[in-house]
Amino acid sequence: MAFEAWQLGLIDAAGYNGIRGEHIEAVARELEKLPQYEINTADFRSACYRAGVDPDNFDQDALAGLQERLNR
């Protein structure tokens, strides 16, 4: 089954081809809207969904990048 261009764009935008800087930035912006400093798993997953990123695609390197971005 071949994918159409718009389908490939959605797959890429959701991070299925790897989490990149723009995915981390989008999730970080959503997390910064939260009123608390402690982020639990539900907060993280919700922020990912609001940013249009699949949270299950985050690996340890991407999570470390997200933490670095949030600590700035």
PDB file of N, CA and C in Angstrom:
ATOM      1  N   MET A   1       0.843  -1.178   0.000  1.00  0.00           N
ATOM      2  CA  MET A   1       0.000   0.000   0.000  1.00  0.00           C
ATOM      3  C   MET A   1       0.891   1.246   0.000  1.00  0.00           C
ATOM      4  N   ALA A   2       0.683   2.094  -0.939  1.00  0.00           N
ATOM      5  CA  ALA A   2       1.446   3.336  -1.030  1.00  0.00           C
ATOM      6  C   ALA A   2       0.704   4.451  -0.299  1.00  0.00           C
ATOM      7  N   PHE A   3       1.459   5.327   0.317  1.00  0.00           N
ATOM      8  CA  PHE A   3       0.880   6.467   1.003  1.00  0.00           C
ATOM      9  C   PHE A   3       0.833   7.663   0.072  1.00  0.00           C
ATOM     10  N   GLU A   4      -0.162   8.492   0.259  1.00  0.00           N
ATOM     11  CA  GLU A   4      -0.232   9.746  -0.477  1.00  0.00           C
ATOM     12  C   GLU A   4       0.600  10.786   0.257  1.00  0.00           C
ATOM     13  N   ALA A   5       0.934  11.857  -0.433  1.00  0.00           N
ATOM     14  CA  ALA A   5       1.812  12.887   0.146  1.00  0.00           C
ATOM     15  C   ALA A   5       1.252  13.455   1.441  1.00  0.00           C
ATOM     16  N   TRP A   6      -0.045  13.710   1.507  1.00  0.00           N
ATOM     17  CA  TRP A   6      -0.622  14.292   2.731  1.00  0.00           C
ATOM     18  C   TRP A   6      -0.538  13.302   3.890  1.00  0.00           C
ATOM     19  N   GLN A   7      -0.630  11.999   3.598  1.00  0.00           N
ATOM     20  CA  GLN A   7      -0.512  10.993   4.650  1.00  0.00           C
ATOM     21  C   GLN A   7       0.920  10.941   5.179  1.00  0.00           C
ATOM     22  N   LEU A   8       1.879  11.016   4.280  1.00  0.00           N
ATOM     23  CA  LEU A   8       3.274  11.034   4.698  1.00  0.00           C
ATOM     24  C   LEU A   8       3.580  12.260   5.547  1.00  0.00           C
ATOM     25  N   GLY A   9       2.983  13.383   5.203  1.00  0.00           N
ATOM     26  CA  GLY A   9       3.158  14.600   5.991  1.00  0.00           C
ATOM     27  C   GLY A   9       2.627  14.446   7.399  1.00  0.00           C
ATOM     28  N   LEU A  10       1.477  13.819   7.552  1.00  0.00           N
ATOM     29  CA  LEU A  10       0.911  13.588   8.881  1.00  0.00           C
ATOM     30  C   LEU A  10       1.762  12.617   9.693  1.00  0.00           C
ATOM     31  N   ILE A  11       2.259  11.589   9.041  1.00  0.00           N
ATOM     32  CA  ILE A  11       3.123  10.623   9.715  1.00  0.00           C
ATOM     33  C   ILE A  11       4.377  11.320  10.230  1.00  0.00           C
ATOM     34  N   ASP A  12       4.975  12.146   9.407  1.00  0.00           N
ATOM     35  CA  ASP A  12       6.173  12.880   9.799  1.00  0.00           C
ATOM     36  C   ASP A  12       5.870  13.885  10.902  1.00  0.00           C
ATOM     37  N   ALA A  13       4.749  14.602  10.779  1.00  0.00           N
ATOM     38  CA  ALA A  13       4.385  15.618  11.762  1.00  0.00           C
ATOM     39  C   ALA A  13       4.129  15.007  13.139  1.00  0.00           C
ATOM     40  N   ALA A  14       3.664  13.778  13.186  1.00  0.00           N
ATOM     41  CA  ALA A  14       3.373  13.125  14.460  1.00  0.00           C
ATOM     42  C   ALA A  14       4.613  12.498  15.087  1.00  0.00           C
ATOM     43  N   GLY A  15       5.727  12.537  14.398  1.00  0.00           N
ATOM     44  CA  GLY A  15       6.964  12.027  14.967  1.00  0.00           C
ATOM     45  C   GLY A  15       7.231  10.562  14.718  1.00  0.00           C
ATOM     46  N   TYR A  16       6.488   9.933  13.844  1.00  0.00           N
ATOM     47  CA  TYR A  16       6.720   8.509  13.582  1.00  0.00           C
ATOM     48  C   TYR A  16       8.050   8.265  12.888  1.00  0.00           C
ATOM     49  N   ASN A  17       8.616   9.278  12.273  1.00  0.00           N
ATOM     50  CA  ASN A  17       9.921   9.153  11.625  1.00  0.00           C
ATOM     51  C   ASN A  17      11.032   9.635  12.549  1.00  0.00           C
ATOM     52  N   GLY A  18      10.731   9.780  13.814  1.00  0.00           N
ATOM     53  CA  GLY A  18      11.703  10.244  14.796  1.00  0.00           C
ATOM     54  C   GLY A  18      11.326  11.612  15.338  1.00  0.00           C
ATOM     55  N   ILE A  19      11.592  11.798  16.594  1.00  0.00           N
ATOM     56  CA  ILE A  19      11.307  13.073  17.255  1.00  0.00           C
ATOM     57  C   ILE A  19      12.439  14.042  16.922  1.00  0.00           C
ATOM     58  N   ARG A  20      12.061  15.174  16.393  1.00  0.00           N
ATOM     59  CA  ARG A  20      13.038  16.208  16.032  1.00  0.00           C
ATOM     60  C   ARG A  20      12.834  17.431  16.924  1.00  0.00           C
ATOM     61  N   GLY A  21      13.657  18.411  16.713  1.00  0.00           N
ATOM     62  CA  GLY A  21      13.604  19.631  17.519  1.00  0.00           C
ATOM     63  C   GLY A  21      12.252  20.310  17.498  1.00  0.00           C
ATOM     64  N   GLU A  22      11.597  20.322  16.338  1.00  0.00           N
ATOM     65  CA  GLU A  22      10.296  20.996  16.273  1.00  0.00           C
ATOM     66  C   GLU A  22       9.230  20.259  17.071  1.00  0.00           C
ATOM     67  N   HIS A  23       9.366  18.928  17.184  1.00  0.00           N
ATOM     68  CA  HIS A  23       8.426  18.181  18.023  1.00  0.00           C
ATOM     69  C   HIS A  23       8.649  18.533  19.496  1.00  0.00           C
ATOM     70  N   ILE A  24       9.917  18.553  19.892  1.00  0.00           N
ATOM     71  CA  ILE A  24      10.256  18.891  21.277  1.00  0.00           C
ATOM     72  C   ILE A  24       9.784  20.295  21.605  1.00  0.00           C
ATOM     73  N   GLU A  25      10.008  21.223  20.707  1.00  0.00           N
ATOM     74  CA  GLU A  25       9.595  22.617  20.935  1.00  0.00           C
ATOM     75  C   GLU A  25       8.081  22.721  21.081  1.00  0.00           C
ATOM     76  N   ALA A  26       7.336  22.025  20.241  1.00  0.00           N
ATOM     77  CA  ALA A  26       5.874  22.082  20.303  1.00  0.00           C
ATOM     78  C   ALA A  26       5.356  21.528  21.624  1.00  0.00           C
ATOM     79  N   VAL A  27       5.913  20.419  22.068  1.00  0.00           N
ATOM     80  CA  VAL A  27       5.482  19.819  23.339  1.00  0.00           C
ATOM     81  C   VAL A  27       5.898  20.724  24.502  1.00  0.00           C
ATOM     82  N   ALA A  28       7.100  21.287  24.434  1.00  0.00           N
ATOM     83  CA  ALA A  28       7.567  22.196  25.499  1.00  0.00           C
ATOM     84  C   ALA A  28       6.643  23.399  25.631  1.00  0.00           C
ATOM     85  N   ARG A  29       6.216  23.967  24.517  1.00  0.00           N
ATOM     86  CA  ARG A  29       5.301  25.121  24.578  1.00  0.00           C
ATOM     87  C   ARG A  29       3.995  24.732  25.257  1.00  0.00           C
ATOM     88  N   GLU A  30       3.500  23.536  24.980  1.00  0.00           N
ATOM     89  CA  GLU A  30       2.263  23.085  25.629  1.00  0.00           C
ATOM     90  C   GLU A  30       2.483  22.861  27.122  1.00  0.00           C
ATOM     91  N   LEU A  31       3.621  22.295  27.493  1.00  0.00           N
ATOM     92  CA  LEU A  31       3.900  22.054  28.911  1.00  0.00           C
ATOM     93  C   LEU A  31       4.089  23.360  29.672  1.00  0.00           C
ATOM     94  N   GLU A  32       4.622  24.372  29.018  1.00  0.00           N
ATOM     95  CA  GLU A  32       4.832  25.660  29.683  1.00  0.00           C
ATOM     96  C   GLU A  32       3.516  26.362  30.018  1.00  0.00           C
ATOM     97  N   LYS A  33       2.440  25.932  29.419  1.00  0.00           N
ATOM     98  CA  LYS A  33       1.131  26.507  29.722  1.00  0.00           C
ATOM     99  C   LYS A  33       0.570  25.986  31.043  1.00  0.00           C
ATOM    100  N   LEU A  34       1.150  24.918  31.571  1.00  0.00           N
ATOM    101  CA  LEU A  34       0.667  24.333  32.816  1.00  0.00           C
ATOM    102  C   LEU A  34       1.071  25.208  33.997  1.00  0.00           C
ATOM    103  N   PRO A  35       0.223  25.288  35.012  1.00  0.00           N
ATOM    104  CA  PRO A  35       0.521  26.166  36.143  1.00  0.00           C
ATOM    105  C   PRO A  35       1.518  25.584  37.144  1.00  0.00           C
ATOM    106  N   GLN A  36       1.860  24.311  37.048  1.00  0.00           N
ATOM    107  CA  GLN A  36       2.737  23.705  38.051  1.00  0.00           C
ATOM    108  C   GLN A  36       4.126  23.438  37.497  1.00  0.00           C
ATOM    109  N   TYR A  37       5.033  23.130  38.395  1.00  0.00           N
ATOM    110  CA  TYR A  37       6.414  22.844  38.008  1.00  0.00           C
ATOM    111  C   TYR A  37       6.662  21.349  37.843  1.00  0.00           C
ATOM    112  N   GLU A  38       5.877  20.528  38.535  1.00  0.00           N
ATOM    113  CA  GLU A  38       6.007  19.079  38.417  1.00  0.00           C
ATOM    114  C   GLU A  38       5.149  18.587  37.257  1.00  0.00           C
ATOM    115  N   ILE A  39       5.736  17.811  36.376  1.00  0.00           N
ATOM    116  CA  ILE A  39       5.019  17.294  35.212  1.00  0.00           C
ATOM    117  C   ILE A  39       4.912  15.782  35.367  1.00  0.00           C
ATOM    118  N   ASN A  40       3.683  15.286  35.404  1.00  0.00           N
ATOM    119  CA  ASN A  40       3.502  13.840  35.504  1.00  0.00           C
ATOM    120  C   ASN A  40       3.251  13.257  34.110  1.00  0.00           C
ATOM    121  N   THR A  41       3.109  11.964  34.061  1.00  0.00           N
ATOM    122  CA  THR A  41       2.942  11.275  32.776  1.00  0.00           C
ATOM    123  C   THR A  41       1.686  11.730  32.056  1.00  0.00           C
ATOM    124  N   ALA A  42       0.597  11.916  32.788  1.00  0.00           N
ATOM    125  CA  ALA A  42      -0.656  12.354  32.166  1.00  0.00           C
ATOM    126  C   ALA A  42      -0.497  13.746  31.556  1.00  0.00           C
ATOM    127  N   ASP A  43       0.205  14.648  32.258  1.00  0.00           N
ATOM    128  CA  ASP A  43       0.455  15.992  31.729  1.00  0.00           C
ATOM    129  C   ASP A  43       1.280  15.918  30.445  1.00  0.00           C
ATOM    130  N   PHE A  44       2.317  15.086  30.465  1.00  0.00           N
ATOM    131  CA  PHE A  44       3.187  14.928  29.301  1.00  0.00           C
ATOM    132  C   PHE A  44       2.401  14.396  28.108  1.00  0.00           C
ATOM    133  N   ARG A  45       1.642  13.337  28.318  1.00  0.00           N
ATOM    134  CA  ARG A  45       0.886  12.730  27.221  1.00  0.00           C
ATOM    135  C   ARG A  45      -0.148  13.712  26.670  1.00  0.00           C
ATOM    136  N   SER A  46      -0.810  14.431  27.550  1.00  0.00           N
ATOM    137  CA  SER A  46      -1.808  15.411  27.125  1.00  0.00           C
ATOM    138  C   SER A  46      -1.167  16.528  26.309  1.00  0.00           C
ATOM    139  N   ALA A  47      -0.009  17.005  26.751  1.00  0.00           N
ATOM    140  CA  ALA A  47       0.703  18.055  26.011  1.00  0.00           C
ATOM    141  C   ALA A  47       1.116  17.554  24.633  1.00  0.00           C
ATOM    142  N   CYS A  48       1.553  16.310  24.560  1.00  0.00           N
ATOM    143  CA  CYS A  48       1.928  15.730  23.265  1.00  0.00           C
ATOM    144  C   CYS A  48       0.726  15.699  22.329  1.00  0.00           C
ATOM    145  N   TYR A  49      -0.418  15.231  22.830  1.00  0.00           N
ATOM    146  CA  TYR A  49      -1.602  15.150  21.980  1.00  0.00           C
ATOM    147  C   TYR A  49      -2.045  16.534  21.512  1.00  0.00           C
ATOM    148  N   ARG A  50      -1.979  17.533  22.406  1.00  0.00           N
ATOM    149  CA  ARG A  50      -2.345  18.896  22.017  1.00  0.00           C
ATOM    150  C   ARG A  50      -1.396  19.436  20.946  1.00  0.00           C
ATOM    151  N   ALA A  51      -0.132  18.995  20.996  1.00  0.00           N
ATOM    152  CA  ALA A  51       0.866  19.434  20.008  1.00  0.00           C
ATOM    153  C   ALA A  51       0.820  18.581  18.742  1.00  0.00           C
ATOM    154  N   GLY A  52       0.013  17.533  18.737  1.00  0.00           N
ATOM    155  CA  GLY A  52      -0.085  16.668  17.568  1.00  0.00           C
ATOM    156  C   GLY A  52       1.069  15.695  17.427  1.00  0.00           C
ATOM    157  N   VAL A  53       1.711  15.371  18.550  1.00  0.00           N
ATOM    158  CA  VAL A  53       2.862  14.467  18.555  1.00  0.00           C
ATOM    159  C   VAL A  53       2.497  13.218  19.349  1.00  0.00           C
ATOM    160  N   ASP A  54       2.836  12.051  18.820  1.00  0.00           N
ATOM    161  CA  ASP A  54       2.566  10.806  19.528  1.00  0.00           C
ATOM    162  C   ASP A  54       3.565  10.657  20.674  1.00  0.00           C
ATOM    163  N   PRO A  55       3.097  10.639  21.927  1.00  0.00           N
ATOM    164  CA  PRO A  55       4.025  10.550  23.062  1.00  0.00           C
ATOM    165  C   PRO A  55       4.827   9.255  23.091  1.00  0.00           C
ATOM    166  N   ASP A  56       4.310   8.206  22.475  1.00  0.00           N
ATOM    167  CA  ASP A  56       5.016   6.926  22.468  1.00  0.00           C
ATOM    168  C   ASP A  56       6.250   6.944  21.571  1.00  0.00           C
ATOM    169  N   ASN A  57       6.401   7.981  20.775  1.00  0.00           N
ATOM    170  CA  ASN A  57       7.573   8.090  19.903  1.00  0.00           C
ATOM    171  C   ASN A  57       8.766   8.739  20.594  1.00  0.00           C
ATOM    172  N   PHE A  58       8.575   9.253  21.809  1.00  0.00           N
ATOM    173  CA  PHE A  58       9.681   9.846  22.558  1.00  0.00           C
ATOM    174  C   PHE A  58      10.558   8.739  23.120  1.00  0.00           C
ATOM    175  N   ASP A  59      11.852   8.796  22.801  1.00  0.00           N
ATOM    176  CA  ASP A  59      12.806   7.887  23.427  1.00  0.00           C
ATOM    177  C   ASP A  59      13.569   8.670  24.498  1.00  0.00           C
ATOM    178  N   GLN A  60      14.541   8.027  25.133  1.00  0.00           N
ATOM    179  CA  GLN A  60      15.275   8.686  26.223  1.00  0.00           C
ATOM    180  C   GLN A  60      16.006   9.933  25.747  1.00  0.00           C
ATOM    181  N   ASP A  61      16.562   9.905  24.553  1.00  0.00           N
ATOM    182  CA  ASP A  61      17.261  11.081  24.030  1.00  0.00           C
ATOM    183  C   ASP A  61      16.296  12.245  23.818  1.00  0.00           C
ATOM    184  N   ALA A  62      15.108  11.945  23.283  1.00  0.00           N
ATOM    185  CA  ALA A  62      14.123  12.998  23.053  1.00  0.00           C
ATOM    186  C   ALA A  62      13.611  13.555  24.377  1.00  0.00           C
ATOM    187  N   LEU A  63      13.420  12.685  25.366  1.00  0.00           N
ATOM    188  CA  LEU A  63      12.984  13.156  26.687  1.00  0.00           C
ATOM    189  C   LEU A  63      14.060  14.027  27.329  1.00  0.00           C
ATOM    190  N   ALA A  64      15.315  13.653  27.150  1.00  0.00           N
ATOM    191  CA  ALA A  64      16.413  14.470  27.674  1.00  0.00           C
ATOM    192  C   ALA A  64      16.439  15.830  26.987  1.00  0.00           C
ATOM    193  N   GLY A  65      16.193  15.844  25.682  1.00  0.00           N
ATOM    194  CA  GLY A  65      16.117  17.109  24.948  1.00  0.00           C
ATOM    195  C   GLY A  65      14.966  17.973  25.419  1.00  0.00           C
ATOM    196  N   LEU A  66      13.842  17.342  25.719  1.00  0.00           N
ATOM    197  CA  LEU A  66      12.685  18.075  26.229  1.00  0.00           C
ATOM    198  C   LEU A  66      12.998  18.664  27.599  1.00  0.00           C
ATOM    199  N   GLN A  67      13.637  17.883  28.451  1.00  0.00           N
ATOM    200  CA  GLN A  67      13.990  18.381  29.783  1.00  0.00           C
ATOM    201  C   GLN A  67      14.977  19.555  29.678  1.00  0.00           C
ATOM    202  N   GLU A  68      15.950  19.419  28.782  1.00  0.00           N
ATOM    203  CA  GLU A  68      16.899  20.516  28.571  1.00  0.00           C
ATOM    204  C   GLU A  68      16.198  21.768  28.112  1.00  0.00           C
ATOM    205  N   ARG A  69      15.272  21.621  27.181  1.00  0.00           N
ATOM    206  CA  ARG A  69      14.514  22.767  26.648  1.00  0.00           C
ATOM    207  C   ARG A  69      13.685  23.419  27.748  1.00  0.00           C
ATOM    208  N   LEU A  70      13.053  22.609  28.599  1.00  0.00           N
ATOM    209  CA  LEU A  70      12.224  23.158  29.670  1.00  0.00           C
ATOM    210  C   LEU A  70      13.042  23.829  30.763  1.00  0.00           C
ATOM    211  N   ASN A  71      14.277  23.415  30.925  1.00  0.00           N
ATOM    212  CA  ASN A  71      15.146  24.001  31.964  1.00  0.00           C
ATOM    213  C   ASN A  71      15.742  25.339  31.556  1.00  0.00           C
ATOM    214  N   ARG A  72      15.557  25.754  30.304  1.00  0.00           N
ATOM    215  CA  ARG A  72      16.104  27.044  29.854  1.00  0.00           C
ATOM    216  C   ARG A  72      15.363  28.194  30.461  1.00  0.00           C
TER     217      ARG A  72
END
